[in-house]
Structure formats: C-alpha cells, structure tokens
Protein backbone atom coordinates (compact mmCIF):
# COMPACT_ATOMS: atom_id res chain seq x y z
CA MET A 1 2.44 8.91 33.12
CA LEU A 2 -0.01 7.89 30.40
CA SER A 3 1.92 9.29 27.45
CA ALA A 4 4.97 7.22 28.44
CA ARG A 5 2.71 4.17 28.88
CA LEU A 6 1.10 4.81 25.51
CA VAL A 7 4.48 5.22 23.80
CA LYS A 8 5.66 1.96 25.37
CA LEU A 9 2.44 0.24 24.26
CA ILE A 10 2.88 1.55 20.72
CA GLU A 11 6.50 0.39 20.62
CA GLU A 12 5.49 -3.05 21.92
CA HIS A 13 2.79 -3.35 19.24
CA ALA A 14 4.96 -1.94 16.42
CA GLU A 15 4.69 -5.15 14.43
CA GLN A 16 0.88 -5.07 14.48
CA LEU A 17 0.78 -1.38 13.53
CA THR A 18 3.31 -1.97 10.76
CA ALA A 19 1.38 -4.89 9.28
CA GLY A 20 -1.80 -2.80 9.03
CA LEU A 21 0.03 0.13 7.51
CA VAL A 22 1.92 -1.95 4.91
CA LYS A 23 -1.34 -3.56 3.83
CA ASP A 24 -2.87 -0.09 3.49
CA LEU A 25 0.12 1.26 1.51
CA GLN A 26 0.06 -1.71 -0.86
CA ASN A 27 -3.69 -1.43 -1.51
CA ASN A 28 -4.49 2.28 -1.24
CA PRO A 29 -5.26 3.94 -4.61
CA ARG A 30 -3.42 7.07 -3.42
CA THR A 31 -0.16 5.14 -3.03
CA GLN A 32 0.10 3.36 -6.40
CA ALA A 33 3.90 3.59 -6.55
CA TYR A 34 4.15 1.89 -3.15
CA HIS A 35 2.41 -1.15 -4.61
CA LYS A 36 5.67 -1.77 -6.51
CA LEU A 37 8.00 -1.37 -3.51
CA SER A 38 9.04 -4.44 -1.61
CA HIS A 39 7.14 -5.48 1.47
CA GLN A 40 10.48 -5.50 3.31
CA GLU A 41 11.27 -1.85 2.46
CA LEU A 42 7.81 -0.68 3.49
CA HIS A 43 7.93 -2.74 6.65
CA HIS A 44 11.39 -1.50 7.64
CA ARG A 45 10.54 2.19 7.36
CA ALA A 46 7.18 1.99 9.17
CA TYR A 47 8.46 -0.35 11.84
CA ASP A 48 11.31 2.06 12.58
CA VAL A 49 8.84 4.87 13.29
CA TYR A 50 6.58 2.79 15.51
CA ARG A 51 9.25 0.77 17.34
CA HIS A 52 11.33 3.82 18.20
CA LEU A 53 8.55 6.35 18.71
CA GLY A 54 9.85 7.46 22.10
CA GLU A 55 13.26 8.20 20.62
CA TRP A 56 11.77 10.12 17.70
CA LEU A 57 9.53 12.19 19.97
CA GLY A 58 12.36 12.80 22.42
CA HIS A 59 14.65 14.47 19.90
CA LYS A 60 14.69 18.15 20.65
CA ALA A 61 17.19 18.81 17.86
CA ASP A 62 16.05 17.95 14.38
CA ASP A 63 19.40 16.49 13.22
CA ARG A 64 18.39 12.83 13.28
CA ILE A 65 14.92 13.49 11.89
CA GLU A 66 16.41 15.67 9.15
CA ALA A 67 19.02 13.08 8.17
CA SER A 68 16.61 10.16 8.14
CA TYR A 69 13.76 11.84 6.30
CA CYS A 70 15.93 13.73 3.80
CA ASP A 71 17.36 10.30 2.93
CA LEU A 72 13.82 8.95 2.56
CA GLY A 73 12.91 11.80 0.20
CA ARG A 74 16.02 11.26 -1.93
CA ASP A 75 15.38 7.50 -2.02
CA ARG A 76 11.78 7.94 -3.10
CA HIS A 77 12.80 10.46 -5.75
CA ALA A 78 15.38 8.00 -7.10
CA GLU A 79 12.64 5.33 -7.19
CA ASP A 80 10.37 7.73 -9.14
CA VAL A 81 7.70 7.69 -6.45
CA PRO A 82 5.58 10.84 -6.90
CA LEU A 83 6.01 13.33 -4.06
CA SER A 84 2.25 13.39 -3.42
CA GLU A 85 2.37 9.64 -2.73
CA VAL A 86 5.38 10.00 -0.44
CA VAL A 87 3.58 12.63 1.60
CA TYR A 88 0.39 10.59 1.66
CA ALA A 89 2.34 7.56 2.92
CA LEU A 90 3.60 9.66 5.84
CA ILE A 91 0.05 10.80 6.50
CA LEU A 92 -1.08 7.16 6.58
CA ILE A 93 1.65 6.30 9.09
CA LYS A 94 0.40 9.13 11.30
CA TYR A 95 -3.26 8.15 10.88
CA HIS A 96 -2.59 4.53 11.82
CA LEU A 97 -0.66 5.72 14.87
CA ARG A 98 -3.34 8.17 15.98
CA ASP A 99 -6.08 5.58 15.49
CA TYR A 100 -4.12 3.16 17.68
CA ILE A 101 -3.62 5.81 20.38
CA ARG A 102 -7.38 6.50 20.46
CA ALA A 103 -8.26 2.79 20.42
CA ALA A 104 -5.87 1.92 23.27
CA GLY A 105 -8.60 2.88 25.75
CA LEU A 106 -6.31 3.96 28.57
CA ILE A 107 -8.09 7.21 29.40
CA ASN A 108 -9.86 7.17 32.72
CA SER A 109 -9.45 10.76 33.88
CA THR A 110 -9.08 14.34 32.72
CA VAL A 111 -5.35 14.20 33.43
CA GLU A 112 -4.97 11.11 31.23
CA LEU A 113 -6.97 12.83 28.49
CA TYR A 114 -4.62 15.81 28.70
CA GLN A 115 -1.61 13.47 28.47
CA GLN A 116 -3.08 11.79 25.39
CA LEU A 117 -3.64 15.19 23.79
CA GLU A 118 -0.04 16.12 24.57
CA LEU A 119 1.18 12.90 22.95
CA ASP A 120 -1.02 13.64 19.94
CA ARG A 121 0.55 17.11 19.70
CA LEU A 122 4.07 15.64 19.84
CA VAL A 123 3.18 13.07 17.19
CA GLY A 124 1.79 15.85 14.99
CA GLN A 125 4.99 17.89 15.38
CA PHE A 126 7.15 14.88 14.55
CA PHE A 127 5.19 14.12 11.37
CA ASP A 128 5.20 17.79 10.34
CA LYS A 129 9.00 17.68 10.53
CA ALA A 130 9.10 14.32 8.75
CA VAL A 131 7.01 15.69 5.86
CA TYR A 132 9.15 18.84 5.64
CA TYR A 133 12.48 16.99 5.62
CA THR A 134 11.21 14.30 3.26
CA THR A 135 10.10 17.00 0.84
CA ARG A 136 13.48 18.74 1.12
CA GLY A 137 15.28 15.48 0.45
CA TYR A 138 13.00 14.80 -2.50
CA GLU A 139 13.70 18.26 -3.92
CA HIS A 140 17.44 17.85 -3.39
CA GLY A 141 17.24 14.47 -5.12
CA GLY A 142 15.62 16.18 -8.09
CA ALA A 143 18.16 19.00 -8.08
CA ARG A 144 21.02 16.50 -7.93
CA HIS A 145 19.46 14.52 -10.77
CA HIS A 146 19.24 17.68 -12.91
CA GLU A 147 22.85 18.63 -12.08
CA LEU A 148 24.09 15.19 -13.15
CA ALA A 149 22.02 15.29 -16.34
CA ALA A 150 23.34 18.77 -17.21
CA ALA A 151 26.93 17.66 -16.55
CA ALA A 152 26.45 14.60 -18.75
CA HIS A 153 24.95 16.76 -21.49
CA ARG A 154 27.96 19.14 -21.39
CA HIS A 155 30.36 16.23 -21.91
C-alpha cells in the first residue's frame, strides 16, 4: 500500500524534513518568536511529528493528540509566543510534509494517486486537530496566567 510506504519513507527521512522546517521557522518573518527558541526545542517538536507520523495518523481517539498539543499551546503561551505564530508554525510543518509527499514521486497509477490523496486527507485531519488542541492549550495557559495574577493581586 502506497500510503504505508509513504509514511515509512517520511519517518525514515524525518531528520531531513526537520532540518528544512527548523531553518524555515528560524528565518520566516511570520515566525519571529521562533527565531529566539532553541534549535533543539524546534527540532524535537518537528522531529516527533515526522518520525512518528504513522502513530499520529493511526490514533482514532484524540487523547494523545489532545495531551501533546495542549501542552504545546501552554508552553508557547508561557514563552510569550504569539498564537498566530504558533498556528503558522503548525501550518509550516504541514506544508513541508505535504511538499515531501508530492515530491516523493511514488505515484504510478490511479490507485496510488487515490492512496496519496487519502494520506493527504489524514494529514489534514491530524493538523486540524493539532491546531485546535494547541489553541485550546494556549487559551488555558492564558486563563491560568490570569487566575494566578488575580490570586496574587488579592493577597
């Protein structure tokens, strides 16, 4: 099955995908706050998505995606990274992945094209969930920050 082959190929080339993405995040004018984050932090998060793509796409329940990406949102809020940049970083991860899928050149039939489109659909669904849960985590990080500030002000 092509989609399984493509996922395996993506996972095997996770380092290459990650390097291109980190360079983009550190130089893109839409991700200014990411220019200040460590290369290691950026690498870790992107590499996790690419290296374990099959696992991420295979999760029918959202529990793991919710936990991981809510944490990401809270972390980025605590680091004062603007939400628009956080969302754009997720978009860049998806774009780099989709570009790689298209460039892999493994489509030789209509069936393989259909399988690539199915993989693209699954990737889109995963990133939609990642954006949603990251935003929720970011909002909860802000709410928690306001609760702590109000409690400190009362005392």
